Amino acid sequence: MVMIDAQTVRGGRAGPMFHSAGGRGGRTVGTKRSILIEILGLPLAVRVDPAKPHDVRVGRELIADHLAELPDVRAIVADRGYRGLANLAARKHLSLDIKAPAKGTSGFIPLAPLYRVEHAFARLGRWRRLSRCYEGTEASAKAWLEVVCVAYLFVRLRAEPS
């Protein structure tokens, strides 16, 4: 089982950049970081795009690019922003589990097991380089995100009890 989610981050202010307006309300000039997490909360794949494309479009491309490398995946868990992945999941013979808060609830409700994706984004955001997107190209932004994901894996490995 894998989980997918995206995060929109503000971009740097000066110099040439690949950032575009997007995110909630279309007002965030920055980058969309999409991440594929396995059930234990460990990152499997990342993708960096301008903030403008919707989560579903970027999620489709991320899954299509990396599904061949993950032959044991049988299910995708996502929030309701990824309802558009239903056709892709059906073509690839995967079950798609969309998590949403119960009807009539208001405020923030953590959705199990999707809180692990948010936890991974929070841990990655502790790296100063990823607090904003200062990179000028998508390739360098993805490279730094991958470097931090590897470091995150090493920190988790070191923290495991023997």
N, C-alpha and C. Protein backbone atom coordinates (compact mmCIF):
# COMPACT_ATOMS: atom_id res chain seq x y z
N MET A 1 0.85 -1.17 0.00
CA MET A 1 0.00 0.00 0.00
C MET A 1 0.89 1.23 0.00
N VAL A 2 0.54 2.19 -0.82
CA VAL A 2 1.25 3.47 -0.86
C VAL A 2 0.25 4.59 -0.64
N MET A 3 0.76 5.70 -0.14
CA MET A 3 -0.05 6.89 0.06
C MET A 3 0.56 8.01 -0.77
N ILE A 4 -0.29 8.89 -1.27
CA ILE A 4 0.19 9.98 -2.10
C ILE A 4 -0.42 11.28 -1.60
N ASP A 5 0.38 12.33 -1.63
CA ASP A 5 -0.12 13.65 -1.29
C ASP A 5 0.82 14.69 -1.88
N ALA A 6 0.38 15.92 -1.88
CA ALA A 6 1.18 17.02 -2.42
C ALA A 6 1.19 18.17 -1.44
N GLN A 7 2.22 18.99 -1.56
CA GLN A 7 2.39 20.16 -0.70
C GLN A 7 2.80 21.32 -1.60
N THR A 8 2.18 22.47 -1.41
CA THR A 8 2.56 23.65 -2.17
C THR A 8 3.39 24.54 -1.27
N VAL A 9 4.56 24.95 -1.76
CA VAL A 9 5.49 25.75 -0.98
C VAL A 9 5.79 27.03 -1.73
N ARG A 10 5.93 28.11 -0.99
CA ARG A 10 6.27 29.39 -1.60
C ARG A 10 7.67 29.33 -2.20
N GLY A 11 7.84 30.06 -3.28
CA GLY A 11 9.13 30.08 -3.96
C GLY A 11 9.96 31.27 -3.56
N GLY A 12 11.20 31.28 -4.02
CA GLY A 12 12.11 32.40 -3.80
C GLY A 12 11.62 33.63 -4.55
N ARG A 13 12.16 34.77 -4.20
CA ARG A 13 11.64 36.00 -4.77
C ARG A 13 12.49 36.57 -5.91
N ALA A 14 13.74 36.20 -6.02
CA ALA A 14 14.61 36.85 -6.99
C ALA A 14 15.16 35.85 -7.99
N GLY A 15 15.49 36.36 -9.17
CA GLY A 15 16.16 35.55 -10.17
C GLY A 15 15.21 34.72 -11.00
N PRO A 16 15.76 34.07 -12.03
CA PRO A 16 14.92 33.21 -12.87
C PRO A 16 14.49 31.97 -12.10
N MET A 17 13.25 31.55 -12.32
CA MET A 17 12.74 30.41 -11.58
C MET A 17 11.63 29.75 -12.37
N PHE A 18 11.26 28.57 -11.97
CA PHE A 18 10.22 27.81 -12.64
C PHE A 18 8.88 27.91 -11.92
N HIS A 19 8.80 28.67 -10.84
CA HIS A 19 7.59 28.74 -10.03
C HIS A 19 6.45 29.40 -10.80
N SER A 20 5.24 29.02 -10.44
CA SER A 20 4.06 29.65 -11.02
C SER A 20 3.00 29.75 -9.95
N ALA A 21 2.03 30.61 -10.18
CA ALA A 21 0.95 30.79 -9.21
C ALA A 21 0.07 29.55 -9.20
N GLY A 22 -0.31 29.11 -8.02
CA GLY A 22 -1.16 27.93 -7.88
C GLY A 22 -1.53 27.74 -6.44
N GLY A 23 -1.85 26.52 -6.07
CA GLY A 23 -2.24 26.24 -4.69
C GLY A 23 -3.66 26.67 -4.44
N ARG A 24 -4.04 26.70 -3.18
CA ARG A 24 -5.39 27.06 -2.79
C ARG A 24 -5.67 28.50 -3.19
N GLY A 25 -6.66 28.71 -4.04
CA GLY A 25 -7.03 30.04 -4.48
C GLY A 25 -6.13 30.59 -5.58
N GLY A 26 -5.08 29.86 -5.96
CA GLY A 26 -4.20 30.29 -7.03
C GLY A 26 -3.29 31.45 -6.68
N ARG A 27 -3.07 31.69 -5.39
CA ARG A 27 -2.29 32.86 -5.00
C ARG A 27 -0.87 32.53 -4.55
N THR A 28 -0.52 31.27 -4.42
CA THR A 28 0.81 30.92 -3.95
C THR A 28 1.75 30.76 -5.14
N VAL A 29 2.73 31.65 -5.24
CA VAL A 29 3.74 31.53 -6.29
C VAL A 29 4.83 30.64 -5.73
N GLY A 30 4.93 29.44 -6.26
CA GLY A 30 5.90 28.50 -5.70
C GLY A 30 5.91 27.18 -6.41
N THR A 31 6.10 26.13 -5.63
CA THR A 31 6.33 24.79 -6.13
C THR A 31 5.37 23.80 -5.49
N LYS A 32 4.98 22.80 -6.26
CA LYS A 32 4.18 21.70 -5.72
C LYS A 32 5.09 20.49 -5.58
N ARG A 33 5.23 20.01 -4.36
CA ARG A 33 6.03 18.81 -4.08
C ARG A 33 5.07 17.66 -3.86
N SER A 34 5.17 16.64 -4.69
CA SER A 34 4.34 15.45 -4.54
C SER A 34 5.22 14.31 -4.05
N ILE A 35 4.66 13.50 -3.17
CA ILE A 35 5.45 12.44 -2.56
C ILE A 35 4.62 11.17 -2.47
N LEU A 36 5.27 10.06 -2.73
CA LEU A 36 4.68 8.74 -2.61
C LEU A 36 5.32 8.08 -1.40
N ILE A 37 4.50 7.72 -0.42
CA ILE A 37 4.97 7.20 0.86
C ILE A 37 4.45 5.77 1.03
N GLU A 38 5.29 4.88 1.57
CA GLU A 38 4.77 3.55 1.87
C GLU A 38 4.11 3.58 3.25
N ILE A 39 3.50 2.50 3.65
CA ILE A 39 2.63 2.48 4.83
C ILE A 39 3.36 2.80 6.13
N LEU A 40 4.67 2.58 6.20
CA LEU A 40 5.43 2.92 7.40
C LEU A 40 5.84 4.39 7.45
N GLY A 41 5.54 5.14 6.39
CA GLY A 41 5.87 6.56 6.36
C GLY A 41 7.20 6.86 5.71
N LEU A 42 7.77 5.91 4.98
CA LEU A 42 9.06 6.12 4.33
C LEU A 42 8.83 6.56 2.88
N PRO A 43 9.54 7.59 2.43
CA PRO A 43 9.34 8.08 1.06
C PRO A 43 9.84 7.09 0.01
N LEU A 44 9.04 6.89 -1.03
CA LEU A 44 9.41 6.01 -2.13
C LEU A 44 9.77 6.79 -3.39
N ALA A 45 9.03 7.86 -3.66
CA ALA A 45 9.27 8.64 -4.88
C ALA A 45 8.80 10.07 -4.63
N VAL A 46 9.45 11.00 -5.31
CA VAL A 46 9.07 12.41 -5.20
C VAL A 46 8.99 13.02 -6.59
N ARG A 47 8.27 14.12 -6.67
CA ARG A 47 8.15 14.87 -7.91
C ARG A 47 7.99 16.33 -7.56
N VAL A 48 8.62 17.19 -8.34
CA VAL A 48 8.54 18.63 -8.11
C VAL A 48 8.01 19.28 -9.39
N ASP A 49 7.00 20.11 -9.25
CA ASP A 49 6.38 20.80 -10.38
C ASP A 49 6.06 22.24 -9.98
N PRO A 50 5.79 23.11 -10.95
CA PRO A 50 5.25 24.42 -10.58
C PRO A 50 3.93 24.25 -9.82
N ALA A 51 3.52 25.23 -9.07
CA ALA A 51 2.35 25.09 -8.21
C ALA A 51 1.03 25.01 -8.96
N LYS A 52 1.00 25.38 -10.22
CA LYS A 52 -0.25 25.50 -10.95
C LYS A 52 -0.99 24.18 -11.21
N PRO A 53 -0.34 23.08 -11.65
CA PRO A 53 -1.14 21.88 -11.97
C PRO A 53 -1.85 21.31 -10.74
N HIS A 54 -3.00 20.73 -10.98
CA HIS A 54 -3.78 20.13 -9.90
C HIS A 54 -3.09 18.88 -9.38
N ASP A 55 -3.38 18.53 -8.14
CA ASP A 55 -2.76 17.37 -7.49
C ASP A 55 -2.98 16.08 -8.27
N VAL A 56 -4.16 15.92 -8.86
CA VAL A 56 -4.48 14.68 -9.57
C VAL A 56 -3.57 14.51 -10.79
N ARG A 57 -3.36 15.58 -11.54
CA ARG A 57 -2.52 15.47 -12.74
C ARG A 57 -1.09 15.08 -12.37
N VAL A 58 -0.57 15.74 -11.36
CA VAL A 58 0.79 15.45 -10.91
C VAL A 58 0.85 14.05 -10.30
N GLY A 59 -0.19 13.66 -9.56
CA GLY A 59 -0.24 12.34 -8.96
C GLY A 59 -0.28 11.23 -10.00
N ARG A 60 -1.04 11.45 -11.09
CA ARG A 60 -1.07 10.47 -12.17
C ARG A 60 0.32 10.25 -12.76
N GLU A 61 1.02 11.35 -13.00
CA GLU A 61 2.35 11.24 -13.59
C GLU A 61 3.34 10.58 -12.62
N LEU A 62 3.24 10.90 -11.33
CA LEU A 62 4.13 10.31 -10.34
C LEU A 62 3.91 8.80 -10.24
N ILE A 63 2.66 8.39 -10.19
CA ILE A 63 2.35 6.97 -10.10
C ILE A 63 2.74 6.25 -11.39
N ALA A 64 2.43 6.83 -12.53
CA ALA A 64 2.78 6.19 -13.81
C ALA A 64 4.29 6.03 -13.95
N ASP A 65 5.06 7.01 -13.49
CA ASP A 65 6.52 6.94 -13.61
C ASP A 65 7.13 5.90 -12.70
N HIS A 66 6.56 5.67 -11.52
CA HIS A 66 7.21 4.83 -10.52
C HIS A 66 6.51 3.52 -10.20
N LEU A 67 5.37 3.26 -10.80
CA LEU A 67 4.64 2.03 -10.48
C LEU A 67 5.39 0.78 -10.94
N ALA A 68 6.11 0.88 -12.04
CA ALA A 68 6.86 -0.28 -12.53
C ALA A 68 7.97 -0.68 -11.54
N GLU A 69 8.49 0.29 -10.78
CA GLU A 69 9.54 0.01 -9.80
C GLU A 69 8.97 -0.57 -8.51
N LEU A 70 7.67 -0.55 -8.35
CA LEU A 70 7.02 -1.00 -7.12
C LEU A 70 6.02 -2.12 -7.45
N PRO A 71 6.51 -3.32 -7.73
CA PRO A 71 5.61 -4.39 -8.20
C PRO A 71 4.66 -4.92 -7.12
N ASP A 72 4.95 -4.71 -5.85
CA ASP A 72 4.12 -5.25 -4.78
C ASP A 72 2.96 -4.35 -4.38
N VAL A 73 2.83 -3.20 -5.01
CA VAL A 73 1.77 -2.26 -4.64
C VAL A 73 0.43 -2.79 -5.11
N ARG A 74 -0.52 -2.86 -4.19
CA ARG A 74 -1.87 -3.32 -4.51
C ARG A 74 -2.93 -2.26 -4.24
N ALA A 75 -2.57 -1.21 -3.47
CA ALA A 75 -3.56 -0.20 -3.11
C ALA A 75 -2.90 1.17 -3.02
N ILE A 76 -3.69 2.19 -3.33
CA ILE A 76 -3.27 3.58 -3.20
C ILE A 76 -4.25 4.23 -2.24
N VAL A 77 -3.73 4.92 -1.24
CA VAL A 77 -4.56 5.65 -0.29
C VAL A 77 -4.28 7.13 -0.50
N ALA A 78 -5.34 7.92 -0.58
CA ALA A 78 -5.19 9.36 -0.82
C ALA A 78 -6.37 10.11 -0.22
N ASP A 79 -6.25 11.44 -0.17
CA ASP A 79 -7.38 12.24 0.29
C ASP A 79 -8.31 12.52 -0.89
N ARG A 80 -9.38 13.23 -0.64
CA ARG A 80 -10.41 13.39 -1.67
C ARG A 80 -9.96 14.23 -2.86
N GLY A 81 -8.81 14.89 -2.77
CA GLY A 81 -8.28 15.63 -3.90
C GLY A 81 -7.81 14.72 -5.02
N TYR A 82 -7.67 13.43 -4.74
CA TYR A 82 -7.16 12.48 -5.72
C TYR A 82 -8.24 11.54 -6.25
N ARG A 83 -9.50 11.95 -6.20
CA ARG A 83 -10.57 11.10 -6.72
C ARG A 83 -10.40 10.81 -8.21
N GLY A 84 -9.71 11.70 -8.91
CA GLY A 84 -9.49 11.52 -10.35
C GLY A 84 -8.52 10.40 -10.70
N LEU A 85 -7.95 9.74 -9.71
CA LEU A 85 -7.04 8.61 -9.97
C LEU A 85 -7.78 7.30 -10.18
N ALA A 86 -9.11 7.33 -10.14
CA ALA A 86 -9.89 6.09 -10.21
C ALA A 86 -9.63 5.33 -11.51
N ASN A 87 -9.60 6.02 -12.65
CA ASN A 87 -9.38 5.34 -13.93
C ASN A 87 -7.99 4.71 -13.99
N LEU A 88 -6.98 5.44 -13.54
CA LEU A 88 -5.61 4.91 -13.53
C LEU A 88 -5.52 3.68 -12.64
N ALA A 89 -6.13 3.74 -11.47
CA ALA A 89 -6.10 2.61 -10.54
C ALA A 89 -6.81 1.40 -11.15
N ALA A 90 -7.90 1.62 -11.84
CA ALA A 90 -8.62 0.51 -12.46
C ALA A 90 -7.79 -0.12 -13.58
N ARG A 91 -7.14 0.71 -14.40
CA ARG A 91 -6.30 0.18 -15.48
C ARG A 91 -5.11 -0.62 -14.96
N LYS A 92 -4.56 -0.20 -13.82
CA LYS A 92 -3.39 -0.87 -13.26
C LYS A 92 -3.76 -1.97 -12.26
N HIS A 93 -5.06 -2.24 -12.10
CA HIS A 93 -5.57 -3.27 -11.18
C HIS A 93 -5.16 -2.99 -9.74
N LEU A 94 -5.32 -1.73 -9.33
CA LEU A 94 -5.04 -1.32 -7.96
C LEU A 94 -6.34 -0.88 -7.31
N SER A 95 -6.41 -1.03 -6.00
CA SER A 95 -7.58 -0.48 -5.31
C SER A 95 -7.23 0.94 -4.87
N LEU A 96 -8.18 1.84 -5.02
CA LEU A 96 -7.99 3.24 -4.64
C LEU A 96 -8.87 3.51 -3.43
N ASP A 97 -8.26 3.89 -2.33
CA ASP A 97 -8.98 4.16 -1.09
C ASP A 97 -8.91 5.66 -0.82
N ILE A 98 -10.03 6.35 -1.01
CA ILE A 98 -10.08 7.79 -0.79
C ILE A 98 -10.59 8.04 0.62
N LYS A 99 -9.80 8.75 1.40
CA LYS A 99 -10.16 9.08 2.78
C LYS A 99 -10.73 10.50 2.83
N ALA A 100 -11.80 10.66 3.58
CA ALA A 100 -12.43 11.97 3.76
C ALA A 100 -13.02 12.04 5.15
N PRO A 101 -13.10 13.25 5.73
CA PRO A 101 -13.73 13.36 7.05
C PRO A 101 -15.21 13.00 6.98
N ALA A 102 -15.76 12.60 8.09
CA ALA A 102 -17.18 12.25 8.14
C ALA A 102 -18.04 13.46 7.86
N LYS A 103 -19.21 13.23 7.30
CA LYS A 103 -20.15 14.32 7.00
C LYS A 103 -20.53 15.04 8.29
N GLY A 104 -20.62 16.36 8.20
CA GLY A 104 -21.04 17.16 9.33
C GLY A 104 -19.93 17.55 10.28
N THR A 105 -18.71 17.13 10.03
CA THR A 105 -17.60 17.53 10.89
C THR A 105 -16.96 18.79 10.36
N SER A 106 -16.44 19.58 11.26
CA SER A 106 -15.76 20.81 10.84
C SER A 106 -14.41 20.87 11.53
N GLY A 107 -13.54 21.67 10.97
CA GLY A 107 -12.21 21.79 11.54
C GLY A 107 -11.29 20.70 11.01
N PHE A 108 -10.09 20.68 11.53
CA PHE A 108 -9.10 19.71 11.08
C PHE A 108 -9.34 18.36 11.73
N ILE A 109 -9.46 17.34 10.93
CA ILE A 109 -9.61 15.96 11.40
C ILE A 109 -8.48 15.14 10.78
N PRO A 110 -7.55 14.60 11.58
CA PRO A 110 -6.51 13.75 10.99
C PRO A 110 -7.11 12.47 10.44
N LEU A 111 -6.73 12.12 9.24
CA LEU A 111 -7.25 10.93 8.59
C LEU A 111 -6.21 9.82 8.63
N ALA A 112 -6.54 8.74 9.30
CA ALA A 112 -5.60 7.61 9.36
C ALA A 112 -5.69 6.86 8.04
N PRO A 113 -4.65 6.40 7.47
CA PRO A 113 -3.23 6.52 7.80
C PRO A 113 -2.55 7.71 7.13
N LEU A 114 -3.34 8.65 6.56
CA LEU A 114 -2.75 9.76 5.81
C LEU A 114 -1.96 10.74 6.67
N TYR A 115 -2.12 10.66 7.98
CA TYR A 115 -1.33 11.55 8.82
C TYR A 115 0.16 11.23 8.68
N ARG A 116 0.49 10.04 8.22
CA ARG A 116 1.90 9.68 8.02
C ARG A 116 2.52 10.48 6.88
N VAL A 117 1.74 10.78 5.85
CA VAL A 117 2.25 11.62 4.76
C VAL A 117 2.51 13.03 5.28
N GLU A 118 1.56 13.55 6.06
CA GLU A 118 1.74 14.89 6.62
C GLU A 118 2.93 14.92 7.56
N HIS A 119 3.13 13.85 8.31
CA HIS A 119 4.28 13.77 9.21
C HIS A 119 5.58 13.77 8.40
N ALA A 120 5.60 13.06 7.29
CA ALA A 120 6.80 13.04 6.44
C ALA A 120 7.07 14.43 5.87
N PHE A 121 6.02 15.14 5.43
CA PHE A 121 6.21 16.51 4.94
C PHE A 121 6.74 17.41 6.06
N ALA A 122 6.23 17.22 7.26
CA ALA A 122 6.71 18.03 8.39
C ALA A 122 8.17 17.75 8.67
N ARG A 123 8.57 16.48 8.65
CA ARG A 123 9.97 16.13 8.89
C ARG A 123 10.88 16.67 7.78
N LEU A 124 10.41 16.61 6.54
CA LEU A 124 11.21 17.14 5.45
C LEU A 124 11.30 18.66 5.52
N GLY A 125 10.24 19.30 6.01
CA GLY A 125 10.24 20.76 6.13
C GLY A 125 11.16 21.28 7.21
N ARG A 126 11.66 20.41 8.08
CA ARG A 126 12.61 20.84 9.11
C ARG A 126 13.98 21.15 8.52
N TRP A 127 14.23 20.66 7.32
CA TRP A 127 15.47 20.98 6.64
C TRP A 127 15.36 22.40 6.11
N ARG A 128 16.27 23.24 6.48
CA ARG A 128 16.20 24.66 6.14
C ARG A 128 16.12 24.88 4.63
N ARG A 129 16.82 24.06 3.88
CA ARG A 129 16.82 24.21 2.43
C ARG A 129 15.43 23.99 1.84
N LEU A 130 14.59 23.20 2.51
CA LEU A 130 13.26 22.92 2.00
C LEU A 130 12.16 23.75 2.66
N SER A 131 12.54 24.71 3.50
CA SER A 131 11.52 25.53 4.14
C SER A 131 10.76 26.36 3.10
N ARG A 132 11.46 26.73 2.04
CA ARG A 132 10.86 27.34 0.87
C ARG A 132 11.55 26.73 -0.33
N CYS A 133 11.09 27.06 -1.52
CA CYS A 133 11.76 26.53 -2.71
C CYS A 133 12.62 27.64 -3.29
N TYR A 134 13.92 27.55 -3.04
CA TYR A 134 14.86 28.55 -3.52
C TYR A 134 15.48 28.17 -4.86
N GLU A 135 15.17 27.02 -5.36
CA GLU A 135 15.83 26.51 -6.56
C GLU A 135 15.32 27.21 -7.81
N GLY A 136 16.19 27.28 -8.82
CA GLY A 136 15.83 27.93 -10.08
C GLY A 136 15.27 26.97 -11.10
N THR A 137 15.51 25.67 -10.94
CA THR A 137 15.00 24.69 -11.90
C THR A 137 14.31 23.54 -11.16
N GLU A 138 13.45 22.86 -11.89
CA GLU A 138 12.76 21.70 -11.31
C GLU A 138 13.75 20.59 -10.97
N ALA A 139 14.77 20.43 -11.79
CA ALA A 139 15.75 19.37 -11.56
C ALA A 139 16.51 19.57 -10.25
N SER A 140 16.92 20.80 -9.99
CA SER A 140 17.65 21.03 -8.73
C SER A 140 16.72 20.92 -7.53
N ALA A 141 15.47 21.36 -7.67
CA ALA A 141 14.51 21.23 -6.57
C ALA A 141 14.24 19.76 -6.26
N LYS A 142 14.10 18.94 -7.32
CA LYS A 142 13.88 17.51 -7.11
C LYS A 142 15.11 16.85 -6.50
N ALA A 143 16.28 17.26 -6.95
CA ALA A 143 17.52 16.68 -6.40
C ALA A 143 17.63 16.95 -4.91
N TRP A 144 17.35 18.18 -4.48
CA TRP A 144 17.43 18.49 -3.06
C TRP A 144 16.36 17.75 -2.26
N LEU A 145 15.18 17.60 -2.84
CA LEU A 145 14.13 16.85 -2.16
C LEU A 145 14.53 15.38 -2.01
N GLU A 146 15.16 14.81 -3.03
CA GLU A 146 15.62 13.43 -2.93
C GLU A 146 16.75 13.28 -1.91
N VAL A 147 17.66 14.25 -1.86
CA VAL A 147 18.74 14.21 -0.88
C VAL A 147 18.18 14.21 0.54
N VAL A 148 17.21 15.07 0.78
CA VAL A 148 16.60 15.16 2.10
C VAL A 148 15.82 13.88 2.42
N CYS A 149 15.16 13.28 1.43
CA CYS A 149 14.44 12.02 1.67
C CYS A 149 15.40 10.92 2.08
N VAL A 150 16.57 10.85 1.44
CA VAL A 150 17.57 9.84 1.81
C VAL A 150 18.06 10.10 3.24
N ALA A 151 18.32 11.37 3.56
CA ALA A 151 18.74 11.71 4.92
C ALA A 151 17.65 11.35 5.93
N TYR A 152 16.39 11.57 5.57
CA TYR A 152 15.26 11.21 6.43
C TYR A 152 15.23 9.70 6.68
N LEU A 153 15.51 8.92 5.62
CA LEU A 153 15.56 7.47 5.78
C LEU A 153 16.67 7.06 6.74
N PHE A 154 17.84 7.71 6.64
CA PHE A 154 18.94 7.39 7.55
C PHE A 154 18.62 7.77 8.99
N VAL A 155 17.94 8.89 9.17
CA VAL A 155 17.54 9.29 10.53
C VAL A 155 16.57 8.28 11.11
N ARG A 156 15.61 7.82 10.30
CA ARG A 156 14.66 6.81 10.76
C ARG A 156 15.36 5.50 11.07
N LEU A 157 16.35 5.14 10.26
CA LEU A 157 17.10 3.91 10.48
C LEU A 157 17.88 3.98 11.79
N ARG A 158 18.48 5.13 12.05
CA ARG A 158 19.25 5.30 13.27
C ARG A 158 18.35 5.29 14.50
N ALA A 159 17.10 5.78 14.36
CA ALA A 159 16.19 5.87 15.50
C ALA A 159 15.51 4.54 15.83
N GLU A 160 15.60 3.55 14.93
CA GLU A 160 14.95 2.26 15.19
C GLU A 160 15.61 1.58 16.38
N PRO A 161 14.79 1.06 17.30
CA PRO A 161 15.37 0.33 18.45
C PRO A 161 15.98 -0.99 17.99
N SER A 162 17.10 -1.34 18.58
CA SER A 162 17.78 -2.59 18.18
C SER A 162 17.20 -3.79 18.89
